[in-house]
PDB file of N, CA and C in Angstrom:
ATOM      1  N   UNK A   1     113.555 106.712  56.749  1.00  0.00           N
ATOM      2  CA  UNK A   1     112.896 105.559  57.311  1.00  0.00           C
ATOM      3  C   UNK A   1     111.472 105.952  57.704  1.00  0.00           C
ATOM      4  N   UNK A   2     110.540 105.068  57.431  1.00  0.00           N
ATOM      5  CA  UNK A   2     109.138 105.302  57.769  1.00  0.00           C
ATOM      6  C   UNK A   2     108.918 105.168  59.280  1.00  0.00           C
ATOM      7  N   UNK A   3     107.880 105.827  59.806  1.00  0.00           N
ATOM      8  CA  UNK A   3     107.527 105.579  61.200  1.00  0.00           C
ATOM      9  C   UNK A   3     107.047 104.134  61.363  1.00  0.00           C
ATOM     10  N   UNK A   4     107.137 103.594  62.568  1.00  0.00           N
ATOM     11  CA  UNK A   4     106.796 102.191  62.803  1.00  0.00           C
ATOM     12  C   UNK A   4     105.382 101.842  62.365  1.00  0.00           C
ATOM     13  N   UNK A   5     104.438 102.736  62.601  1.00  0.00           N
ATOM     14  CA  UNK A   5     103.055 102.417  62.244  1.00  0.00           C
ATOM     15  C   UNK A   5     102.822 102.384  60.734  1.00  0.00           C
ATOM     16  N   UNK A   6     103.740 102.904  59.961  1.00  0.00           N
ATOM     17  CA  UNK A   6     103.628 102.893  58.496  1.00  0.00           C
ATOM     18  C   UNK A   6     104.490 101.804  57.851  1.00  0.00           C
ATOM     19  N   UNK A   7     105.307 101.121  58.637  1.00  0.00           N
ATOM     20  CA  UNK A   7     106.198 100.090  58.103  1.00  0.00           C
ATOM     21  C   UNK A   7     105.431  98.799  57.844  1.00  0.00           C
ATOM     22  N   UNK A   8     105.847  98.089  56.790  1.00  0.00           N
ATOM     23  CA  UNK A   8     105.284  96.769  56.517  1.00  0.00           C
ATOM     24  C   UNK A   8     105.973  95.748  57.421  1.00  0.00           C
ATOM     25  N   UNK A   9     105.406  94.543  57.497  1.00  0.00           N
ATOM     26  CA  UNK A   9     106.023  93.504  58.323  1.00  0.00           C
ATOM     27  C   UNK A   9     107.437  93.152  57.867  1.00  0.00           C
ATOM     28  N   UNK A  10     107.688  92.998  56.557  1.00  0.00           N
ATOM     29  CA  UNK A  10     109.077  92.735  56.150  1.00  0.00           C
ATOM     30  C   UNK A  10     110.038  93.851  56.560  1.00  0.00           C
ATOM     31  N   UNK A  11     109.607  95.100  56.498  1.00  0.00           N
ATOM     32  CA  UNK A  11     110.469  96.207  56.926  1.00  0.00           C
ATOM     33  C   UNK A  11     110.727  96.144  58.424  1.00  0.00           C
ATOM     34  N   UNK A  12     109.711  95.771  59.189  1.00  0.00           N
ATOM     35  CA  UNK A  12     109.890  95.638  60.642  1.00  0.00           C
ATOM     36  C   UNK A  12     110.847  94.494  60.965  1.00  0.00           C
ATOM     37  N   UNK A  13     110.718  93.394  60.228  1.00  0.00           N
ATOM     38  CA  UNK A  13     111.631  92.274  60.423  1.00  0.00           C
ATOM     39  C   UNK A  13     113.066  92.646  60.098  1.00  0.00           C
ATOM     40  N   UNK A  14     113.233  93.383  59.008  1.00  0.00           N
ATOM     41  CA  UNK A  14     114.577  93.838  58.624  1.00  0.00           C
ATOM     42  C   UNK A  14     115.160  94.760  59.689  1.00  0.00           C
ATOM     43  N   UNK A  15     114.343  95.669  60.226  1.00  0.00           N
ATOM     44  CA  UNK A  15     114.789  96.571  61.278  1.00  0.00           C
ATOM     45  C   UNK A  15     115.218  95.794  62.520  1.00  0.00           C
ATOM     46  N   UNK A  16     114.422  94.817  62.917  1.00  0.00           N
ATOM     47  CA  UNK A  16     114.771  94.011  64.088  1.00  0.00           C
ATOM     48  C   UNK A  16     116.096  93.287  63.866  1.00  0.00           C
ATOM     49  N   UNK A  17     116.284  92.741  62.677  1.00  0.00           N
ATOM     50  CA  UNK A  17     117.533  92.044  62.356  1.00  0.00           C
ATOM     51  C   UNK A  17     118.715  93.004  62.377  1.00  0.00           C
ATOM     52  N   UNK A  18     118.539  94.203  61.844  1.00  0.00           N
ATOM     53  CA  UNK A  18     119.630  95.178  61.814  1.00  0.00           C
ATOM     54  C   UNK A  18     120.009  95.631  63.215  1.00  0.00           C
ATOM     55  N   UNK A  19     119.030  95.745  64.093  1.00  0.00           N
ATOM     56  CA  UNK A  19     119.305  96.196  65.460  1.00  0.00           C
ATOM     57  C   UNK A  19     119.914  95.103  66.329  1.00  0.00           C
ATOM     58  N   UNK A  20     119.519  93.850  66.087  1.00  0.00           N
ATOM     59  CA  UNK A  20     119.949  92.750  66.948  1.00  0.00           C
ATOM     60  C   UNK A  20     120.400  91.536  66.140  1.00  0.00           C
ATOM     61  N   UNK A  21     121.457  91.657  65.359  1.00  0.00           N
ATOM     62  CA  UNK A  21     121.884  90.505  64.549  1.00  0.00           C
ATOM     63  C   UNK A  21     122.352  89.317  65.394  1.00  0.00           C
ATOM     64  N   UNK A  22     122.871  89.565  66.570  1.00  0.00           N
ATOM     65  CA  UNK A  22     123.366  88.471  67.413  1.00  0.00           C
ATOM     66  C   UNK A  22     122.235  87.601  67.963  1.00  0.00           C
ATOM     67  N   UNK A  23     121.039  88.123  68.055  1.00  0.00           N
ATOM     68  CA  UNK A  23     119.903  87.374  68.590  1.00  0.00           C
ATOM     69  C   UNK A  23     119.265  86.450  67.557  1.00  0.00           C
ATOM     70  N   UNK A  24     119.564  86.647  66.307  1.00  0.00           N
ATOM     71  CA  UNK A  24     118.845  85.958  65.244  1.00  0.00           C
ATOM     72  C   UNK A  24     119.088  84.454  65.220  1.00  0.00           C
ATOM     73  N   UNK A  25     120.291  83.998  65.487  1.00  0.00           N
ATOM     74  CA  UNK A  25     120.563  82.560  65.423  1.00  0.00           C
ATOM     75  C   UNK A  25     119.713  81.800  66.429  1.00  0.00           C
ATOM     76  N   UNK A  26     119.690  82.264  67.663  1.00  0.00           N
ATOM     77  CA  UNK A  26     118.901  81.602  68.702  1.00  0.00           C
ATOM     78  C   UNK A  26     117.414  81.688  68.381  1.00  0.00           C
ATOM     79  N   UNK A  27     116.979  82.841  67.895  1.00  0.00           N
ATOM     80  CA  UNK A  27     115.571  83.007  67.554  1.00  0.00           C
ATOM     81  C   UNK A  27     115.154  82.071  66.425  1.00  0.00           C
ATOM     82  N   UNK A  28     115.973  81.939  65.387  1.00  0.00           N
ATOM     83  CA  UNK A  28     115.621  81.065  64.270  1.00  0.00           C
ATOM     84  C   UNK A  28     115.607  79.596  64.690  1.00  0.00           C
ATOM     85  N   UNK A  29     116.518  79.199  65.564  1.00  0.00           N
ATOM     86  CA  UNK A  29     116.500  77.827  66.085  1.00  0.00           C
ATOM     87  C   UNK A  29     115.233  77.582  66.897  1.00  0.00           C
ATOM     88  N   UNK A  30     114.867  78.552  67.725  1.00  0.00           N
ATOM     89  CA  UNK A  30     113.635  78.457  68.507  1.00  0.00           C
ATOM     90  C   UNK A  30     112.437  78.343  67.570  1.00  0.00           C
ATOM     91  N   UNK A  31     112.416  79.125  66.508  1.00  0.00           N
ATOM     92  CA  UNK A  31     111.308  79.108  65.551  1.00  0.00           C
ATOM     93  C   UNK A  31     111.148  77.750  64.896  1.00  0.00           C
ATOM     94  N   UNK A  32     112.271  77.150  64.528  1.00  0.00           N
ATOM     95  CA  UNK A  32     112.233  75.835  63.897  1.00  0.00           C
ATOM     96  C   UNK A  32     111.637  74.802  64.846  1.00  0.00           C
ATOM     97  N   UNK A  33     112.089  74.781  66.092  1.00  0.00           N
ATOM     98  CA  UNK A  33     111.564  73.835  67.074  1.00  0.00           C
ATOM     99  C   UNK A  33     110.096  74.113  67.396  1.00  0.00           C
ATOM    100  N   UNK A  34     109.725  75.370  67.438  1.00  0.00           N
ATOM    101  CA  UNK A  34     108.342  75.758  67.711  1.00  0.00           C
ATOM    102  C   UNK A  34     107.420  75.228  66.613  1.00  0.00           C
ATOM    103  N   UNK A  35     107.827  75.392  65.362  1.00  0.00           N
ATOM    104  CA  UNK A  35     107.014  74.912  64.241  1.00  0.00           C
ATOM    105  C   UNK A  35     106.939  73.390  64.220  1.00  0.00           C
ATOM    106  N   UNK A  36     108.020  72.740  64.531  1.00  0.00           N
ATOM    107  CA  UNK A  36     107.982  71.270  64.623  1.00  0.00           C
ATOM    108  C   UNK A  36     107.021  70.824  65.715  1.00  0.00           C
ATOM    109  N   UNK A  37     107.009  71.544  66.822  1.00  0.00           N
ATOM    110  CA  UNK A  37     106.065  71.250  67.899  1.00  0.00           C
ATOM    111  C   UNK A  37     104.622  71.451  67.469  1.00  0.00           C
ATOM    112  N   UNK A  38     104.378  72.495  66.697  1.00  0.00           N
ATOM    113  CA  UNK A  38     103.026  72.734  66.178  1.00  0.00           C
ATOM    114  C   UNK A  38     102.586  71.567  65.307  1.00  0.00           C
ATOM    115  N   UNK A  39     103.458  71.145  64.406  1.00  0.00           N
ATOM    116  CA  UNK A  39     103.106  70.035  63.511  1.00  0.00           C
ATOM    117  C   UNK A  39     102.852  68.748  64.293  1.00  0.00           C
ATOM    118  N   UNK A  40     103.661  68.509  65.303  1.00  0.00           N
ATOM    119  CA  UNK A  40     103.467  67.316  66.131  1.00  0.00           C
ATOM    120  C   UNK A  40     102.131  67.378  66.863  1.00  0.00           C
ATOM    121  N   UNK A  41     101.801  68.531  67.419  1.00  0.00           N
ATOM    122  CA  UNK A  41     100.529  68.686  68.134  1.00  0.00           C
ATOM    123  C   UNK A  41      99.343  68.520  67.182  1.00  0.00           C
ATOM    124  N   UNK A  42      99.463  69.055  65.974  1.00  0.00           N
ATOM    125  CA  UNK A  42      98.382  68.915  64.992  1.00  0.00           C
ATOM    126  C   UNK A  42      98.198  67.451  64.619  1.00  0.00           C
ATOM    127  N   UNK A  43      99.298  66.733  64.422  1.00  0.00           N
ATOM    128  CA  UNK A  43      99.198  65.313  64.083  1.00  0.00           C
ATOM    129  C   UNK A  43      98.544  64.516  65.212  1.00  0.00           C
ATOM    130  N   UNK A  44      98.900  64.823  66.450  1.00  0.00           N
ATOM    131  CA  UNK A  44      98.281  64.150  67.599  1.00  0.00           C
ATOM    132  C   UNK A  44      96.790  64.463  67.658  1.00  0.00           C
ATOM    133  N   UNK A  45      96.445  65.700  67.377  1.00  0.00           N
ATOM    134  CA  UNK A  45      95.043  66.105  67.384  1.00  0.00           C
ATOM    135  C   UNK A  45      94.263  65.390  66.288  1.00  0.00           C
ATOM    136  N   UNK A  46      94.856  65.248  65.104  1.00  0.00           N
ATOM    137  CA  UNK A  46      94.181  64.562  64.005  1.00  0.00           C
ATOM    138  C   UNK A  46      93.962  63.083  64.313  1.00  0.00           C
ATOM    139  N   UNK A  47      94.856  62.490  65.081  1.00  0.00           N
ATOM    140  CA  UNK A  47      94.686  61.094  65.488  1.00  0.00           C
ATOM    141  C   UNK A  47      93.485  60.964  66.413  1.00  0.00           C
ATOM    142  N   UNK A  48      93.326  61.927  67.308  1.00  0.00           N
ATOM    143  CA  UNK A  48      92.227  61.877  68.269  1.00  0.00           C
ATOM    144  C   UNK A  48      90.880  62.221  67.638  1.00  0.00           C
ATOM    145  N   UNK A  49      90.880  63.076  66.647  1.00  0.00           N
ATOM    146  CA  UNK A  49      89.646  63.505  66.003  1.00  0.00           C
ATOM    147  C   UNK A  49      89.554  62.810  64.656  1.00  0.00           C
ATOM    148  N   UNK A  50      88.690  61.823  64.577  1.00  0.00           N
ATOM    149  CA  UNK A  50      88.619  61.020  63.354  1.00  0.00           C
ATOM    150  C   UNK A  50      87.585  61.531  62.358  1.00  0.00           C
ATOM    151  N   UNK A  51      86.715  62.455  62.766  1.00  0.00           N
ATOM    152  CA  UNK A  51      85.680  62.923  61.858  1.00  0.00           C
ATOM    153  C   UNK A  51      86.126  64.105  61.011  1.00  0.00           C
ATOM    154  N   UNK A  52      87.387  64.433  61.029  1.00  0.00           N
ATOM    155  CA  UNK A  52      87.918  65.523  60.208  1.00  0.00           C
ATOM    156  C   UNK A  52      87.948  66.833  60.967  1.00  0.00           C
ATOM    157  N   UNK A  53      89.041  67.547  60.822  1.00  0.00           N
ATOM    158  CA  UNK A  53      89.196  68.822  61.508  1.00  0.00           C
ATOM    159  C   UNK A  53      89.784  69.816  60.521  1.00  0.00           C
ATOM    160  N   UNK A  54      89.053  70.880  60.278  1.00  0.00           N
ATOM    161  CA  UNK A  54      89.512  71.870  59.309  1.00  0.00           C
ATOM    162  C   UNK A  54      90.126  73.091  59.973  1.00  0.00           C
ATOM    163  N   UNK A  55      90.079  73.176  61.295  1.00  0.00           N
ATOM    164  CA  UNK A  55      90.559  74.348  61.999  1.00  0.00           C
ATOM    165  C   UNK A  55      92.061  74.496  62.044  1.00  0.00           C
ATOM    166  N   UNK A  56      92.796  73.433  61.809  1.00  0.00           N
ATOM    167  CA  UNK A  56      94.250  73.486  61.927  1.00  0.00           C
ATOM    168  C   UNK A  56      94.964  73.559  60.581  1.00  0.00           C
ATOM    169  N   UNK A  57      94.233  73.554  59.484  1.00  0.00           N
ATOM    170  CA  UNK A  57      94.856  73.519  58.163  1.00  0.00           C
ATOM    171  C   UNK A  57      95.738  74.736  57.888  1.00  0.00           C
ATOM    172  N   UNK A  58      95.263  75.912  58.240  1.00  0.00           N
ATOM    173  CA  UNK A  58      96.027  77.134  57.973  1.00  0.00           C
ATOM    174  C   UNK A  58      97.299  77.155  58.809  1.00  0.00           C
ATOM    175  N   UNK A  59      97.168  76.833  60.092  1.00  0.00           N
ATOM    176  CA  UNK A  59      98.345  76.846  60.956  1.00  0.00           C
ATOM    177  C   UNK A  59      99.346  75.769  60.535  1.00  0.00           C
ATOM    178  N   UNK A  60      98.853  74.627  60.113  1.00  0.00           N
ATOM    179  CA  UNK A  60      99.741  73.572  59.641  1.00  0.00           C
ATOM    180  C   UNK A  60     100.501  74.027  58.390  1.00  0.00           C
ATOM    181  N   UNK A  61      99.821  74.672  57.470  1.00  0.00           N
ATOM    182  CA  UNK A  61     100.473  75.164  56.247  1.00  0.00           C
ATOM    183  C   UNK A  61     101.509  76.234  56.577  1.00  0.00           C
ATOM    184  N   UNK A  62     101.182  77.128  57.509  1.00  0.00           N
ATOM    185  CA  UNK A  62     102.135  78.166  57.907  1.00  0.00           C
ATOM    186  C   UNK A  62     103.366  77.551  58.568  1.00  0.00           C
ATOM    187  N   UNK A  63     103.161  76.562  59.438  1.00  0.00           N
ATOM    188  CA  UNK A  63     104.293  75.917  60.113  1.00  0.00           C
ATOM    189  C   UNK A  63     105.178  75.195  59.099  1.00  0.00           C
ATOM    190  N   UNK A  64     104.568  74.502  58.153  1.00  0.00           N
ATOM    191  CA  UNK A  64     105.354  73.812  57.125  1.00  0.00           C
ATOM    192  C   UNK A  64     106.147  74.805  56.269  1.00  0.00           C
ATOM    193  N   UNK A  65     105.524  75.917  55.914  1.00  0.00           N
ATOM    194  CA  UNK A  65     106.213  76.938  55.114  1.00  0.00           C
ATOM    195  C   UNK A  65     107.373  77.551  55.894  1.00  0.00           C
ATOM    196  N   UNK A  66     107.165  77.821  57.185  1.00  0.00           N
ATOM    197  CA  UNK A  66     108.228  78.382  58.012  1.00  0.00           C
ATOM    198  C   UNK A  66     109.391  77.407  58.130  1.00  0.00           C
ATOM    199  N   UNK A  67     109.102  76.138  58.325  1.00  0.00           N
ATOM    200  CA  UNK A  67     110.161  75.121  58.401  1.00  0.00           C
ATOM    201  C   UNK A  67     110.926  75.072  57.082  1.00  0.00           C
ATOM    202  N   UNK A  68     110.218  75.140  55.966  1.00  0.00           N
ATOM    203  CA  UNK A  68     110.873  75.146  54.661  1.00  0.00           C
ATOM    204  C   UNK A  68     111.804  76.345  54.523  1.00  0.00           C
ATOM    205  N   UNK A  69     111.300  77.534  54.864  1.00  0.00           N
ATOM    206  CA  UNK A  69     112.115  78.747  54.751  1.00  0.00           C
ATOM    207  C   UNK A  69     113.344  78.650  55.648  1.00  0.00           C
ATOM    208  N   UNK A  70     113.171  78.183  56.884  1.00  0.00           N
ATOM    209  CA  UNK A  70     114.302  78.078  57.808  1.00  0.00           C
ATOM    210  C   UNK A  70     115.304  77.032  57.347  1.00  0.00           C
ATOM    211  N   UNK A  71     114.816  75.933  56.829  1.00  0.00           N
ATOM    212  CA  UNK A  71     115.720  74.871  56.371  1.00  0.00           C
ATOM    213  C   UNK A  71     116.500  75.290  55.128  1.00  0.00           C
ATOM    214  N   UNK A  72     115.834  75.951  54.232  1.00  0.00           N
ATOM    215  CA  UNK A  72     116.475  76.293  52.965  1.00  0.00           C
ATOM    216  C   UNK A  72     117.350  77.542  53.040  1.00  0.00           C
ATOM    217  N   UNK A  73     116.927  78.549  53.822  1.00  0.00           N
ATOM    218  CA  UNK A  73     117.596  79.846  53.787  1.00  0.00           C
ATOM    219  C   UNK A  73     118.240  80.254  55.112  1.00  0.00           C
ATOM    220  N   UNK A  74     118.465  79.321  56.023  1.00  0.00           N
ATOM    221  CA  UNK A  74     118.912  79.698  57.362  1.00  0.00           C
ATOM    222  C   UNK A  74     120.178  80.557  57.358  1.00  0.00           C
ATOM    223  N   UNK A  75     121.192  80.159  56.607  1.00  0.00           N
ATOM    224  CA  UNK A  75     122.447  80.926  56.610  1.00  0.00           C
ATOM    225  C   UNK A  75     122.252  82.333  56.067  1.00  0.00           C
ATOM    226  N   UNK A  76     121.490  82.462  54.998  1.00  0.00           N
ATOM    227  CA  UNK A  76     121.294  83.808  54.448  1.00  0.00           C
ATOM    228  C   UNK A  76     120.345  84.634  55.313  1.00  0.00           C
ATOM    229  N   UNK A  77     119.438  83.986  56.028  1.00  0.00           N
ATOM    230  CA  UNK A  77     118.574  84.726  56.952  1.00  0.00           C
ATOM    231  C   UNK A  77     119.398  85.333  58.083  1.00  0.00           C
ATOM    232  N   UNK A  78     120.444  84.641  58.474  1.00  0.00           N
ATOM    233  CA  UNK A  78     121.310  85.149  59.543  1.00  0.00           C
ATOM    234  C   UNK A  78     122.173  86.313  59.069  1.00  0.00           C
ATOM    235  N   UNK A  79     122.586  86.288  57.809  1.00  0.00           N
ATOM    236  CA  UNK A  79     123.501  87.305  57.303  1.00  0.00           C
ATOM    237  C   UNK A  79     122.824  88.502  56.662  1.00  0.00           C
ATOM    238  N   UNK A  80     121.627  88.330  56.135  1.00  0.00           N
ATOM    239  CA  UNK A  80     120.993  89.384  55.342  1.00  0.00           C
ATOM    240  C   UNK A  80     119.681  89.862  55.968  1.00  0.00           C
ATOM    241  N   UNK A  81     119.685  91.038  56.563  1.00  0.00           N
ATOM    242  CA  UNK A  81     118.462  91.556  57.172  1.00  0.00           C
ATOM    243  C   UNK A  81     117.300  91.688  56.180  1.00  0.00           C
ATOM    244  N   UNK A  82     117.608  92.073  54.959  1.00  0.00           N
ATOM    245  CA  UNK A  82     116.540  92.250  53.969  1.00  0.00           C
ATOM    246  C   UNK A  82     115.862  90.929  53.638  1.00  0.00           C
ATOM    247  N   UNK A  83     116.651  89.879  53.463  1.00  0.00           N
ATOM    248  CA  UNK A  83     116.084  88.558  53.180  1.00  0.00           C
ATOM    249  C   UNK A  83     115.300  88.048  54.389  1.00  0.00           C
ATOM    250  N   UNK A  84     115.826  88.278  55.580  1.00  0.00           N
ATOM    251  CA  UNK A  84     115.115  87.887  56.795  1.00  0.00           C
ATOM    252  C   UNK A  84     113.734  88.538  56.823  1.00  0.00           C
ATOM    253  N   UNK A  85     113.680  89.824  56.591  1.00  0.00           N
ATOM    254  CA  UNK A  85     112.406  90.521  56.599  1.00  0.00           C
ATOM    255  C   UNK A  85     111.465  90.041  55.512  1.00  0.00           C
ATOM    256  N   UNK A  86     111.993  89.840  54.313  1.00  0.00           N
ATOM    257  CA  UNK A  86     111.163  89.453  53.176  1.00  0.00           C
ATOM    258  C   UNK A  86     110.627  88.029  53.292  1.00  0.00           C
ATOM    259  N   UNK A  87     111.475  87.091  53.698  1.00  0.00           N
ATOM    260  CA  UNK A  87     111.048  85.691  53.743  1.00  0.00           C
ATOM    261  C   UNK A  87     110.366  85.318  55.057  1.00  0.00           C
ATOM    262  N   UNK A  88     110.916  85.768  56.164  1.00  0.00           N
ATOM    263  CA  UNK A  88     110.379  85.337  57.456  1.00  0.00           C
ATOM    264  C   UNK A  88     109.079  86.061  57.799  1.00  0.00           C
ATOM    265  N   UNK A  89     108.902  87.254  57.279  1.00  0.00           N
ATOM    266  CA  UNK A  89     107.662  87.987  57.511  1.00  0.00           C
ATOM    267  C   UNK A  89     106.860  88.135  56.227  1.00  0.00           C
ATOM    268  N   UNK A  90     106.954  87.128  55.380  1.00  0.00           N
ATOM    269  CA  UNK A  90     106.115  87.023  54.197  1.00  0.00           C
ATOM    270  C   UNK A  90     104.658  86.988  54.666  1.00  0.00           C
ATOM    271  N   UNK A  91     103.751  87.692  53.984  1.00  0.00           N
ATOM    272  CA  UNK A  91     102.363  87.740  54.450  1.00  0.00           C
ATOM    273  C   UNK A  91     101.713  86.368  54.665  1.00  0.00           C
ATOM    274  N   UNK A  92     102.144  85.360  53.937  1.00  0.00           N
ATOM    275  CA  UNK A  92     101.552  84.030  54.093  1.00  0.00           C
ATOM    276  C   UNK A  92     101.878  83.397  55.449  1.00  0.00           C
ATOM    277  N   UNK A  93     103.010  83.773  56.042  1.00  0.00           N
ATOM    278  CA  UNK A  93     103.412  83.152  57.312  1.00  0.00           C
ATOM    279  C   UNK A  93     103.680  84.165  58.417  1.00  0.00           C
ATOM    280  N   UNK A  94     103.434  85.431  58.141  1.00  0.00           N
ATOM    281  CA  UNK A  94     103.795  86.489  59.094  1.00  0.00           C
ATOM    282  C   UNK A  94     103.057  86.374  60.423  1.00  0.00           C
ATOM    283  N   UNK A  95     101.780  86.009  60.400  1.00  0.00           N
ATOM    284  CA  UNK A  95     101.037  85.955  61.662  1.00  0.00           C
ATOM    285  C   UNK A  95     101.602  84.892  62.595  1.00  0.00           C
ATOM    286  N   UNK A  96     101.943  83.730  62.051  1.00  0.00           N
ATOM    287  CA  UNK A  96     102.552  82.686  62.875  1.00  0.00           C
ATOM    288  C   UNK A  96     103.910  83.127  63.395  1.00  0.00           C
ATOM    289  N   UNK A  97     104.710  83.747  62.554  1.00  0.00           N
ATOM    290  CA  UNK A  97     106.052  84.139  62.977  1.00  0.00           C
ATOM    291  C   UNK A  97     106.031  85.281  63.986  1.00  0.00           C
ATOM    292  N   UNK A  98     105.013  86.124  63.943  1.00  0.00           N
ATOM    293  CA  UNK A  98     104.863  87.125  64.995  1.00  0.00           C
ATOM    294  C   UNK A  98     104.545  86.439  66.320  1.00  0.00           C
ATOM    295  N   UNK A  99     103.678  85.428  66.281  1.00  0.00           N
ATOM    296  CA  UNK A  99     103.365  84.673  67.496  1.00  0.00           C
ATOM    297  C   UNK A  99     104.610  83.987  68.045  1.00  0.00           C
ATOM    298  N   UNK A 100     105.422  83.442  67.158  1.00  0.00           N
ATOM    299  CA  UNK A 100     106.653  82.778  67.585  1.00  0.00           C
ATOM    300  C   UNK A 100     107.603  83.789  68.215  1.00  0.00           C
ATOM    301  N   UNK A 101     107.706  84.953  67.632  1.00  0.00           N
ATOM    302  CA  UNK A 101     108.578  85.999  68.161  1.00  0.00           C
ATOM    303  C   UNK A 101     108.151  86.400  69.569  1.00  0.00           C
ATOM    304  N   UNK A 102     106.863  86.567  69.780  1.00  0.00           N
ATOM    305  CA  UNK A 102     106.351  86.909  71.115  1.00  0.00           C
ATOM    306  C   UNK A 102     106.599  85.755  72.085  1.00  0.00           C
ATOM    307  N   UNK A 103     106.344  84.526  71.652  1.00  0.00           N
ATOM    308  CA  UNK A 103     106.587  83.358  72.517  1.00  0.00           C
ATOM    309  C   UNK A 103     108.060  83.258  72.877  1.00  0.00           C
ATOM    310  N   UNK A 104     108.918  83.543  71.929  1.00  0.00           N
ATOM    311  CA  UNK A 104     110.357  83.517  72.181  1.00  0.00           C
ATOM    312  C   UNK A 104     110.733  84.527  73.260  1.00  0.00           C
ATOM    313  N   UNK A 105     110.198  85.722  73.149  1.00  0.00           N
ATOM    314  CA  UNK A 105     110.521  86.772  74.128  1.00  0.00           C
ATOM    315  C   UNK A 105     109.942  86.463  75.506  1.00  0.00           C
ATOM    316  N   UNK A 106     108.841  85.738  75.552  1.00  0.00           N
ATOM    317  CA  UNK A 106     108.218  85.438  76.829  1.00  0.00           C
ATOM    318  C   UNK A 106     108.768  84.180  77.477  1.00  0.00           C
ATOM    319  N   UNK A 107     109.310  83.257  76.693  1.00  0.00           N
ATOM    320  CA  UNK A 107     109.705  81.976  77.274  1.00  0.00           C
ATOM    321  C   UNK A 107     111.208  81.781  77.432  1.00  0.00           C
ATOM    322  N   UNK A 108     111.994  82.508  76.693  1.00  0.00           N
ATOM    323  CA  UNK A 108     113.447  82.329  76.737  1.00  0.00           C
ATOM    324  C   UNK A 108     114.056  83.438  77.584  1.00  0.00           C
ATOM    325  N   UNK A 109     114.986  83.055  78.439  1.00  0.00           N
ATOM    326  CA  UNK A 109     115.702  84.063  79.224  1.00  0.00           C
ATOM    327  C   UNK A 109     116.739  84.709  78.312  1.00  0.00           C
ATOM    328  N   UNK A 110     116.463  85.933  77.937  1.00  0.00           N
ATOM    329  CA  UNK A 110     117.303  86.609  76.963  1.00  0.00           C
ATOM    330  C   UNK A 110     118.467  87.324  77.631  1.00  0.00           C
ATOM    331  N   UNK A 111     119.674  87.164  77.098  1.00  0.00           N
ATOM    332  CA  UNK A 111     120.803  87.903  77.654  1.00  0.00           C
ATOM    333  C   UNK A 111     120.699  89.396  77.365  1.00  0.00           C
ATOM    334  N   UNK A 112     119.991  89.750  76.314  1.00  0.00           N
ATOM    335  CA  UNK A 112     119.844  91.151  75.922  1.00  0.00           C
ATOM    336  C   UNK A 112     118.379  91.552  76.113  1.00  0.00           C
ATOM    337  N   UNK A 113     118.069  92.180  77.226  1.00  0.00           N
ATOM    338  CA  UNK A 113     116.693  92.582  77.521  1.00  0.00           C
ATOM    339  C   UNK A 113     116.193  93.681  76.593  1.00  0.00           C
ATOM    340  N   UNK A 114     117.093  94.399  75.960  1.00  0.00           N
ATOM    341  CA  UNK A 114     116.683  95.430  75.006  1.00  0.00           C
ATOM    342  C   UNK A 114     115.956  94.801  73.821  1.00  0.00           C
ATOM    343  N   UNK A 115     116.362  93.584  73.453  1.00  0.00           N
ATOM    344  CA  UNK A 115     115.714  92.872  72.353  1.00  0.00           C
ATOM    345  C   UNK A 115     114.240  92.668  72.661  1.00  0.00           C
ATOM    346  N   UNK A 116     113.938  92.191  73.866  1.00  0.00           N
ATOM    347  CA  UNK A 116     112.555  91.945  74.273  1.00  0.00           C
ATOM    348  C   UNK A 116     111.737  93.240  74.182  1.00  0.00           C
ATOM    349  N   UNK A 117     112.278  94.315  74.720  1.00  0.00           N
ATOM    350  CA  UNK A 117     111.579  95.588  74.675  1.00  0.00           C
ATOM    351  C   UNK A 117     111.331  96.080  73.267  1.00  0.00           C
ATOM    352  N   UNK A 118     112.321  95.928  72.424  1.00  0.00           N
ATOM    353  CA  UNK A 118     112.179  96.386  71.034  1.00  0.00           C
ATOM    354  C   UNK A 118     111.171  95.548  70.268  1.00  0.00           C
ATOM    355  N   UNK A 119     111.108  94.247  70.545  1.00  0.00           N
ATOM    356  CA  UNK A 119     110.118  93.401  69.873  1.00  0.00           C
ATOM    357  C   UNK A 119     108.724  93.918  70.166  1.00  0.00           C
ATOM    358  N   UNK A 120     108.450  94.242  71.419  1.00  0.00           N
ATOM    359  CA  UNK A 120     107.110  94.693  71.766  1.00  0.00           C
ATOM    360  C   UNK A 120     106.824  96.107  71.284  1.00  0.00           C
ATOM    361  N   UNK A 121     107.851  96.869  70.977  1.00  0.00           N
ATOM    362  CA  UNK A 121     107.644  98.199  70.380  1.00  0.00           C
ATOM    363  C   UNK A 121     107.392  98.058  68.879  1.00  0.00           C
ATOM    364  N   UNK A 122     108.194  97.241  68.212  1.00  0.00           N
ATOM    365  CA  UNK A 122     108.068  97.081  66.762  1.00  0.00           C
ATOM    366  C   UNK A 122     106.810  96.303  66.395  1.00  0.00           C
ATOM    367  N   UNK A 123     106.508  95.247  67.157  1.00  0.00           N
ATOM    368  CA  UNK A 123     105.349  94.402  66.884  1.00  0.00           C
ATOM    369  C   UNK A 123     104.350  94.494  68.041  1.00  0.00           C
ATOM    370  N   UNK A 124     103.614  95.598  68.139  1.00  0.00           N
ATOM    371  CA  UNK A 124     102.676  95.735  69.257  1.00  0.00           C
ATOM    372  C   UNK A 124     101.532  94.722  69.150  1.00  0.00           C
ATOM    373  N   UNK A 125     101.086  94.251  70.272  1.00  0.00           N
ATOM    374  CA  UNK A 125      99.986  93.274  70.272  1.00  0.00           C
ATOM    375  C   UNK A 125      98.660  93.957  70.393  1.00  0.00           C
TER     376      UNK A 125
END
């Protein structure tokens, strides 16, 4: 196994899944709701700003892609650490999903505090 600083994001995601498979269901549900919230906020912002806003396009695309991945592959993401790492930490959406992971650890009262600690070790800010 590579040292953490040499691991790619998909490898880090796979490692997190292998260490904490029981946490994944709650985390993926949180991710889905988080992305839906992002899309709702972007839509509200676009209503208020009528002259066009280009700053939210990337985040909107990432949120839509994450929702697609979660909707289509949720069961296999829960069962397969490799698929979780490859799809959920795909470079196109990895930055958003890292933010979601940190938000999850900061906002949800986790029954397993080791998960929170490991997230901040694997994905340093």
